[in-house]
Amino acid sequence: MSDSKTQQSSPTSGSLGSPAGIANHSSAARPDRYDPRAIEQKWQERWARSSDLYRAEPSTTSRKKYYVLEMLPYPSGALHMGHVRNYAIGDALARYMWMQGYNVLHPMGWDSFGLPAENAAIQNQTPPREWTLRNIAAMKRQMNRMGFSYDWSKEVTTCLPEYYRWNQWFFLKFLERGLAYRKNSKVNWCPKCATVLANEQVLPNGCCWRHEDTLVEQRELEQWFLRITDYAEELLQGLDQLPGWPEKVRTMQRNWIGRSEGALVDFKLAGAAGPAGDKISVFTTRIDTIYGATSIQLAPEHPIVTDLIANNPALLAKVEDLIAEQRRAKESGDIGAIEKHGVFTERFATNPFNGEPIPIWIANYVLLDYGTGLRVRQKVRSRHSRGDPAAAGKRSSTGG
């Protein structure tokens, strides 16, 4: 094979060399092939001697600032190609902004706290601290081999006391201000993980993402909650101070905050009450239509559903099907596209405004984590509009 780098190229030669009349460097000066072992090792040693190479300048610098942060990895043992893809994108962006003259902060850390780390340590018969820190060291070596441009002086490790002491401090402040509270709520529980799973960690077949042969259970556990709804108005106003954000993203945030003005109405449960109590609290933005209430629809995981389906295996099976439908819709990313239906509980509640009985349903389109986890089906016609023929027969839902 001829070495095109030692020849002069002509426009018709078909080579990818330099234009005609310009000689290239000889192959003795530059090897034909890239030798990563030799070249990478040379420059990595050089970078390792320059601890300030990627360190961000102090905040007092006059240069424009740019912050690049990728998702912190969970130190499970080794990086995989998914990590490489993700962090290579962030690295390219950081380097580009440096070349644009920005003072770039590009840190890295380890999402290393929680039961999964303990379970992995038990499985490998290694103390959790030793297991986790050893994995962190191994993954850090891999990142350095990749040549990622991290400011390691800003490294954080969430399983170390110097980091999580601040989590504890924040929690105590929330507790002091009455912003942290406990209540019972249904959760996804994996018997093998012995921990709670997010909806995204439950596979379409109802099994755990770590143990694909283990069905996830629905358990009611006492949990801690934070009253972020106390800051709904402040958060909404803050969105108007982010003109650089796409309107689509700001709209998503507004919907997530979900601030509504209305009233809470208590419907007393007819018949025997269970541990969840004898009333169903409904939030409504249309209190004027409460006289036209025709039914109550509960989220399948609403606490009072457990009481309503007790000793009724057939109803329990139907409710579990509704929960599975919701889970699949959430995983597909479009809960609004779910085919809406529900099951009648054969129980009733009393409308406190007119004393009429209202049937209670369990519906797959009502979400527990939205508002109070239930809706009231109402006629749009209220006591103030009963003479309006246009309103007759129309129905709407309120609450959440």
Protein backbone atom coordinates (compact mmCIF):
# COMPACT_ATOMS: atom_id res chain seq x y z
CA MET A 1 0.00 0.00 0.00
CA SER A 2 1.54 3.28 -1.05
CA ASP A 3 1.90 6.07 1.47
CA SER A 4 -0.07 9.02 0.07
CA LYS A 5 1.45 11.30 2.71
CA THR A 6 4.87 11.07 1.04
CA GLN A 7 3.54 12.01 -2.38
CA GLN A 8 2.19 15.14 -3.95
CA SER A 9 -1.50 14.84 -4.73
CA SER A 10 -3.03 15.88 -7.99
CA PRO A 11 -6.62 16.99 -8.41
CA THR A 12 -7.35 13.82 -10.38
CA SER A 13 -5.49 11.35 -8.22
CA GLY A 14 -8.54 10.60 -6.06
CA SER A 15 -6.45 10.79 -2.87
CA LEU A 16 -7.40 12.71 0.24
CA GLY A 17 -4.01 14.36 0.47
CA SER A 18 -3.14 18.03 0.18
CA PRO A 19 -3.72 20.08 -3.00
CA ALA A 20 -1.37 19.66 -5.92
CA GLY A 21 2.03 21.25 -5.55
CA ILE A 22 2.07 21.10 -1.71
CA ALA A 23 4.17 18.37 -0.11
CA ASN A 24 2.97 16.57 3.05
CA HIS A 25 5.01 15.62 6.09
CA SER A 26 6.74 12.28 5.84
CA SER A 27 5.37 9.20 7.52
CA ALA A 28 8.42 9.18 9.76
CA ALA A 29 7.18 12.37 11.42
CA ARG A 30 3.57 11.24 11.87
CA PRO A 31 2.42 7.60 12.14
CA ASP A 32 -0.25 6.36 9.77
CA ARG A 33 -2.52 5.15 12.55
CA TYR A 34 -3.63 6.65 15.85
CA ASP A 35 -2.09 4.73 18.74
CA PRO A 36 -4.40 5.39 21.71
CA ARG A 37 -2.30 3.48 24.25
CA ALA A 38 0.78 5.59 23.67
CA ILE A 39 -0.86 8.94 22.94
CA GLU A 40 -3.59 8.82 25.57
CA GLN A 41 -1.22 7.67 28.30
CA LYS A 42 1.20 10.49 27.49
CA TRP A 43 -1.39 13.22 27.69
CA GLN A 44 -3.26 11.77 30.66
CA GLU A 45 -0.03 11.84 32.64
CA ARG A 46 0.44 15.45 31.55
CA TRP A 47 -3.13 16.36 32.57
CA ALA A 48 -2.72 14.59 35.92
CA ARG A 49 0.25 16.85 36.74
CA SER A 50 -1.92 19.93 36.05
CA SER A 51 -4.48 19.80 38.84
CA ASP A 52 -5.87 23.24 37.89
CA LEU A 53 -6.30 22.39 34.21
CA TYR A 54 -10.10 22.23 34.33
CA ARG A 55 -10.68 24.14 37.56
CA ALA A 56 -13.19 26.97 37.32
CA GLU A 57 -11.94 30.46 38.09
CA PRO A 58 -13.21 32.19 41.26
CA SER A 59 -16.68 33.72 41.11
CA THR A 60 -15.09 37.18 41.16
CA THR A 61 -13.73 36.71 37.64
CA SER A 62 -14.98 39.09 34.97
CA ARG A 63 -15.43 36.28 32.46
CA LYS A 64 -18.92 35.09 31.63
CA LYS A 65 -19.93 32.04 33.66
CA TYR A 66 -21.27 28.73 32.34
CA TYR A 67 -22.34 25.71 34.40
CA VAL A 68 -22.27 22.20 32.90
CA LEU A 69 -23.64 19.41 35.06
CA GLU A 70 -24.46 15.88 33.95
CA MET A 71 -26.45 13.41 36.02
CA LEU A 72 -24.30 12.03 38.86
CA PRO A 73 -23.79 8.28 38.38
CA TYR A 74 -24.73 5.65 40.91
CA PRO A 75 -21.47 3.77 41.69
CA SER A 76 -22.63 0.28 40.83
CA GLY A 77 -19.15 -0.93 39.91
CA ALA A 78 -18.19 0.23 36.43
CA LEU A 79 -19.14 2.68 33.72
CA HIS A 80 -21.03 1.31 30.73
CA MET A 81 -21.55 2.76 27.25
CA GLY A 82 -24.68 4.60 28.39
CA HIS A 83 -22.51 6.55 30.82
CA VAL A 84 -19.90 7.21 28.15
CA ARG A 85 -22.49 8.60 25.74
CA ASN A 86 -24.02 10.87 28.38
CA TYR A 87 -20.76 12.24 29.75
CA ALA A 88 -19.12 12.65 26.35
CA ILE A 89 -21.93 15.05 25.40
CA GLY A 90 -21.41 17.13 28.54
CA ASP A 91 -17.64 17.10 28.04
CA ALA A 92 -17.98 18.36 24.45
CA LEU A 93 -20.26 21.18 25.61
CA ALA A 94 -17.89 22.22 28.41
CA ARG A 95 -14.91 22.31 26.06
CA TYR A 96 -16.86 24.29 23.46
CA MET A 97 -17.84 26.92 26.04
CA TRP A 98 -14.25 27.16 27.24
CA MET A 99 -13.19 27.90 23.67
CA GLN A 100 -15.89 30.59 23.57
CA GLY A 101 -14.15 32.33 26.47
CA TYR A 102 -16.49 31.32 29.31
CA ASN A 103 -15.47 30.51 32.86
CA VAL A 104 -16.87 26.97 32.92
CA LEU A 105 -17.80 25.05 36.07
CA HIS A 106 -17.90 21.35 35.17
CA PRO A 107 -18.06 19.24 38.36
CA MET A 108 -18.67 15.56 38.99
CA GLY A 109 -19.90 13.51 41.95
CA TRP A 110 -21.50 10.25 43.02
CA ASP A 111 -25.16 9.48 43.75
CA SER A 112 -24.14 6.84 46.28
CA PHE A 113 -26.63 6.89 49.15
CA GLY A 114 -29.55 4.55 49.77
CA LEU A 115 -30.75 0.97 50.18
CA PRO A 116 -29.67 -0.23 46.69
CA ALA A 117 -26.03 0.31 47.72
CA GLU A 118 -26.59 -1.64 50.92
CA ASN A 119 -28.36 -4.46 49.07
CA ALA A 120 -25.51 -4.68 46.55
CA ALA A 121 -22.99 -4.79 49.40
CA ILE A 122 -24.92 -7.60 51.12
CA GLN A 123 -25.07 -9.54 47.86
CA ASN A 124 -21.29 -9.16 47.43
CA GLN A 125 -20.61 -9.87 51.13
CA THR A 126 -18.76 -6.58 51.51
CA PRO A 127 -19.39 -3.74 54.01
CA PRO A 128 -21.44 -0.99 52.25
CA ARG A 129 -18.81 1.73 52.78
CA GLU A 130 -16.00 -0.41 51.40
CA TRP A 131 -18.10 -1.61 48.45
CA THR A 132 -19.28 1.87 47.48
CA LEU A 133 -15.99 3.73 47.84
CA ARG A 134 -14.16 1.01 45.92
CA ASN A 135 -16.63 1.35 43.06
CA ILE A 136 -16.26 5.13 43.10
CA ALA A 137 -12.47 4.82 42.78
CA ALA A 138 -12.85 2.39 39.86
CA MET A 139 -15.35 4.60 38.00
CA LYS A 140 -13.22 7.69 38.59
CA ARG A 141 -10.25 5.91 36.99
CA GLN A 142 -12.45 5.14 33.98
CA MET A 143 -13.54 8.78 33.70
CA ASN A 144 -9.92 9.92 33.80
CA ARG A 145 -9.04 7.37 31.11
CA MET A 146 -11.77 8.93 28.96
CA GLY A 147 -10.13 12.33 29.42
CA PHE A 148 -13.29 14.05 30.69
CA SER A 149 -12.77 17.67 31.64
CA TYR A 150 -14.01 17.62 35.25
CA ASP A 151 -13.12 20.02 38.01
CA TRP A 152 -12.38 17.34 40.61
CA SER A 153 -11.91 19.96 43.33
CA LYS A 154 -15.73 20.21 43.34
CA GLU A 155 -16.30 16.43 43.67
CA VAL A 156 -19.19 15.38 45.95
CA THR A 157 -20.00 11.93 47.35
CA THR A 158 -23.52 11.75 48.74
CA CYS A 159 -22.84 8.82 51.10
CA LEU A 160 -20.21 10.73 53.09
CA PRO A 161 -21.18 12.67 56.26
CA GLU A 162 -19.69 15.94 55.00
CA TYR A 163 -22.35 15.87 52.26
CA TYR A 164 -25.46 14.33 53.82
CA ARG A 165 -25.15 16.35 57.04
CA TRP A 166 -26.61 19.20 55.00
CA ASN A 167 -29.54 17.03 53.90
CA GLN A 168 -30.21 16.41 57.57
CA TRP A 169 -29.86 20.12 58.36
CA PHE A 170 -32.35 21.05 55.65
CA PHE A 171 -34.81 18.42 56.87
CA LEU A 172 -34.65 19.71 60.44
CA LYS A 173 -35.35 23.22 59.19
CA PHE A 174 -38.37 21.94 57.24
CA LEU A 175 -39.57 20.16 60.39
CA GLU A 176 -39.12 23.27 62.55
CA ARG A 177 -41.22 25.33 60.12
CA GLY A 178 -44.00 22.74 59.89
CA LEU A 179 -43.14 21.97 56.25
CA ALA A 180 -42.34 18.28 56.86
CA TYR A 181 -45.09 15.89 57.95
CA ARG A 182 -45.92 12.19 57.95
CA LYS A 183 -48.88 10.34 56.53
CA ASN A 184 -49.76 6.94 55.09
CA SER A 185 -49.57 6.46 51.35
CA LYS A 186 -49.43 3.51 48.97
CA VAL A 187 -46.07 2.81 47.37
CA ASN A 188 -44.45 0.40 44.92
CA TRP A 189 -42.56 -2.17 47.00
CA CYS A 190 -40.05 -4.72 45.72
CA PRO A 191 -39.71 -7.66 48.16
CA LYS A 192 -36.19 -8.46 46.93
CA CYS A 193 -34.90 -4.87 47.01
CA ALA A 194 -36.75 -4.36 50.31
CA THR A 195 -37.31 -0.76 49.28
CA VAL A 196 -39.73 1.57 47.54
CA LEU A 197 -39.61 2.00 43.75
CA ALA A 198 -40.59 4.96 41.61
CA ASN A 199 -43.26 4.30 38.98
CA GLU A 200 -40.51 4.44 36.32
CA GLN A 201 -38.71 1.56 38.05
CA VAL A 202 -41.65 -0.82 37.60
CA LEU A 203 -41.61 -2.75 34.31
CA PRO A 204 -44.73 -3.00 32.09
CA ASN A 205 -45.27 -6.55 33.37
CA GLY A 206 -45.42 -5.25 36.95
CA CYS A 207 -41.98 -6.54 37.96
CA CYS A 208 -39.00 -4.73 39.46
CA TRP A 209 -36.43 -3.26 37.07
CA ARG A 210 -33.62 -4.92 39.08
CA HIS A 211 -35.42 -8.25 39.58
CA GLU A 212 -37.39 -8.91 36.42
CA ASP A 213 -39.02 -12.03 37.88
CA THR A 214 -40.27 -10.31 41.05
CA LEU A 215 -43.73 -8.73 41.07
CA VAL A 216 -43.91 -5.31 42.69
CA GLU A 217 -46.40 -5.06 45.57
CA GLN A 218 -48.63 -2.16 46.57
CA ARG A 219 -47.98 -1.39 50.22
CA GLU A 220 -49.35 1.33 52.44
CA LEU A 221 -46.50 2.85 54.44
CA GLU A 222 -46.09 5.88 56.64
CA GLN A 223 -43.88 8.34 54.79
CA TRP A 224 -42.50 11.86 55.07
CA PHE A 225 -43.87 14.61 52.84
CA LEU A 226 -42.86 18.23 52.25
CA ARG A 227 -45.46 21.01 51.91
CA ILE A 228 -44.13 22.46 48.66
CA THR A 229 -47.68 23.58 47.88
CA ASP A 230 -47.12 26.39 50.41
CA TYR A 231 -44.79 27.93 47.84
CA ALA A 232 -46.97 27.41 44.77
CA GLU A 233 -47.62 31.12 44.18
CA GLU A 234 -43.97 32.04 44.68
CA LEU A 235 -42.88 29.31 42.27
CA LEU A 236 -45.38 30.43 39.64
CA GLN A 237 -44.23 34.05 39.89
CA GLY A 238 -40.62 32.90 39.60
CA LEU A 239 -41.36 31.27 36.24
CA ASP A 240 -42.08 34.74 34.84
CA GLN A 241 -38.51 35.72 35.71
CA LEU A 242 -37.02 33.07 33.41
CA PRO A 243 -37.33 34.65 29.96
CA GLY A 244 -34.58 32.41 28.55
CA TRP A 245 -36.59 29.25 29.21
CA PRO A 246 -38.70 27.80 26.38
CA GLU A 247 -42.39 28.49 26.89
CA LYS A 248 -43.11 24.77 26.55
CA VAL A 249 -40.91 24.03 29.58
CA ARG A 250 -42.44 26.84 31.63
CA THR A 251 -45.92 25.55 30.81
CA MET A 252 -44.92 22.08 31.99
CA GLN A 253 -43.65 23.59 35.23
CA ARG A 254 -46.88 25.54 35.75
CA ASN A 255 -48.89 22.36 35.24
CA TRP A 256 -46.63 20.46 37.64
CA ILE A 257 -47.03 23.14 40.34
CA GLY A 258 -50.76 22.88 39.71
CA ARG A 259 -51.95 25.77 41.86
CA SER A 260 -55.74 26.08 41.99
CA GLU A 261 -58.15 28.20 44.02
CA GLY A 262 -61.20 26.51 45.45
CA ALA A 263 -62.67 24.85 48.53
CA LEU A 264 -62.49 21.51 50.36
CA VAL A 265 -65.83 19.75 50.81
CA ASP A 266 -66.28 16.75 53.11
CA PHE A 267 -68.66 14.02 51.90
CA LYS A 268 -69.66 11.63 54.71
CA LEU A 269 -69.33 7.96 53.84
CA ALA A 270 -72.55 5.96 54.14
CA GLY A 271 -72.29 2.63 55.91
CA ALA A 272 -69.47 1.25 58.02
CA ALA A 273 -66.21 3.21 58.14
CA GLY A 274 -62.75 1.65 58.07
CA PRO A 275 -59.29 2.78 59.26
CA ALA A 276 -59.22 5.55 56.60
CA GLY A 277 -62.17 7.30 58.23
CA ASP A 278 -65.79 8.10 57.46
CA LYS A 279 -65.41 11.09 55.15
CA ILE A 280 -64.06 11.83 51.69
CA SER A 281 -62.53 15.31 51.29
CA VAL A 282 -62.94 16.77 47.81
CA PHE A 283 -61.22 19.86 46.44
CA THR A 284 -63.40 21.77 44.01
CA THR A 285 -62.80 24.90 41.98
CA ARG A 286 -66.57 25.15 41.29
CA ILE A 287 -68.28 25.17 44.66
CA ASP A 288 -71.31 26.75 42.95
CA THR A 289 -71.96 23.46 41.12
CA ILE A 290 -71.72 21.21 44.17
CA TYR A 291 -75.53 20.85 44.30
CA GLY A 292 -75.34 19.04 40.96
CA ALA A 293 -72.79 16.43 42.12
CA THR A 294 -73.65 13.04 40.62
CA SER A 295 -70.70 10.80 41.60
CA ILE A 296 -67.31 10.67 43.29
CA GLN A 297 -64.36 9.10 41.49
CA LEU A 298 -61.38 7.95 43.54
CA ALA A 299 -57.83 7.23 42.39
CA PRO A 300 -57.17 3.45 42.61
CA GLU A 301 -54.50 4.08 45.27
CA HIS A 302 -56.58 6.49 47.38
CA PRO A 303 -56.33 5.45 51.09
CA ILE A 304 -60.08 4.98 51.48
CA VAL A 305 -60.16 2.51 48.55
CA THR A 306 -58.54 -0.10 50.81
CA ASP A 307 -61.54 0.15 53.12
CA LEU A 308 -64.04 0.05 50.27
CA ILE A 309 -62.63 -3.12 48.69
CA ALA A 310 -62.00 -4.99 51.96
CA ASN A 311 -63.42 -8.54 51.88
CA ASN A 312 -64.29 -8.13 48.19
CA PRO A 313 -61.75 -10.13 46.11
CA ALA A 314 -63.54 -9.40 42.82
CA LEU A 315 -63.38 -5.63 43.37
CA LEU A 316 -59.77 -5.90 44.55
CA ALA A 317 -58.79 -7.60 41.27
CA LYS A 318 -60.49 -4.86 39.25
CA VAL A 319 -58.68 -2.14 41.22
CA GLU A 320 -55.33 -3.85 40.66
CA ASP A 321 -56.09 -3.84 36.92
CA LEU A 322 -56.73 -0.07 37.09
CA ILE A 323 -53.40 0.46 38.85
CA ALA A 324 -51.61 -1.58 36.18
CA GLU A 325 -53.27 0.49 33.44
CA GLN A 326 -52.10 3.71 35.09
CA ARG A 327 -48.57 2.38 35.42
CA ARG A 328 -48.37 1.43 31.73
CA ALA A 329 -49.74 4.86 30.72
CA LYS A 330 -47.14 6.63 32.87
CA GLU A 331 -44.33 4.56 31.37
CA SER A 332 -45.50 5.44 27.87
CA GLY A 333 -45.33 9.09 28.87
CA ASP A 334 -48.96 10.02 28.14
CA ILE A 335 -51.28 9.42 31.07
CA GLY A 336 -53.84 11.68 29.40
CA ALA A 337 -54.27 9.19 26.53
CA ILE A 338 -55.47 6.40 28.82
CA GLU A 339 -58.83 4.86 27.86
CA LYS A 340 -60.98 6.17 30.69
CA HIS A 341 -63.14 3.81 32.72
CA GLY A 342 -63.80 2.78 36.30
CA VAL A 343 -65.57 0.37 38.64
CA PHE A 344 -68.50 1.01 40.96
CA THR A 345 -67.80 0.27 44.63
CA GLU A 346 -71.49 -0.24 45.54
CA ARG A 347 -70.93 2.37 48.25
CA PHE A 348 -72.31 5.90 48.60
CA ALA A 349 -71.42 9.22 50.23
CA THR A 350 -73.74 12.04 51.30
CA ASN A 351 -73.66 15.47 49.66
CA PRO A 352 -73.39 17.88 52.63
CA PHE A 353 -75.21 20.62 50.72
CA ASN A 354 -78.42 18.77 49.84
CA GLY A 355 -78.23 15.44 51.71
CA GLU A 356 -78.46 13.37 48.52
CA PRO A 357 -76.56 10.04 48.22
CA ILE A 358 -73.73 10.02 45.66
CA PRO A 359 -72.27 6.79 44.21
CA ILE A 360 -68.54 6.19 44.71
CA TRP A 361 -66.45 4.94 41.77
CA ILE A 362 -62.78 4.06 41.35
CA ALA A 363 -61.38 5.43 38.07
CA ASN A 364 -58.17 4.78 36.17
CA TYR A 365 -57.89 8.41 35.01
CA VAL A 366 -57.77 9.90 38.54
CA LEU A 367 -54.22 10.17 39.91
CA LEU A 368 -53.38 9.92 43.60
CA ASP A 369 -50.50 12.41 43.34
CA TYR A 370 -52.70 15.11 41.79
CA GLY A 371 -54.56 17.20 44.36
CA THR A 372 -56.60 15.07 46.78
CA GLY A 373 -56.63 12.02 44.51
CA LEU A 374 -60.30 12.14 43.59
CA ARG A 375 -62.88 13.96 41.51
CA VAL A 376 -66.57 14.80 41.73
CA ARG A 377 -68.70 14.41 38.63
CA GLN A 378 -71.17 17.29 38.48
CA LYS A 379 -73.88 18.77 36.37
CA VAL A 380 -72.65 22.14 35.14
CA ARG A 381 -76.05 23.57 36.05
CA SER A 382 -75.88 24.86 39.63
CA ARG A 383 -78.57 26.18 41.94
CA HIS A 384 -77.78 29.63 40.51
CA SER A 385 -78.23 28.52 36.88
CA ARG A 386 -81.10 26.07 37.03
CA GLY A 387 -83.17 28.31 34.79
CA ASP A 388 -80.55 28.21 32.01
CA PRO A 389 -81.66 25.65 29.36
CA ALA A 390 -78.18 25.70 27.79
CA ALA A 391 -76.72 24.27 30.98
CA ALA A 392 -79.20 21.44 31.35
CA GLY A 393 -77.76 17.95 31.09
CA LYS A 394 -74.13 19.10 30.77
CA ARG A 395 -71.62 17.54 33.14
CA SER A 396 -68.09 18.34 34.26
CA SER A 397 -65.48 17.08 36.66
CA THR A 398 -63.89 19.06 39.42
CA GLY A 399 -61.37 18.22 42.09
CA GLY A 400 -58.17 16.24 41.89
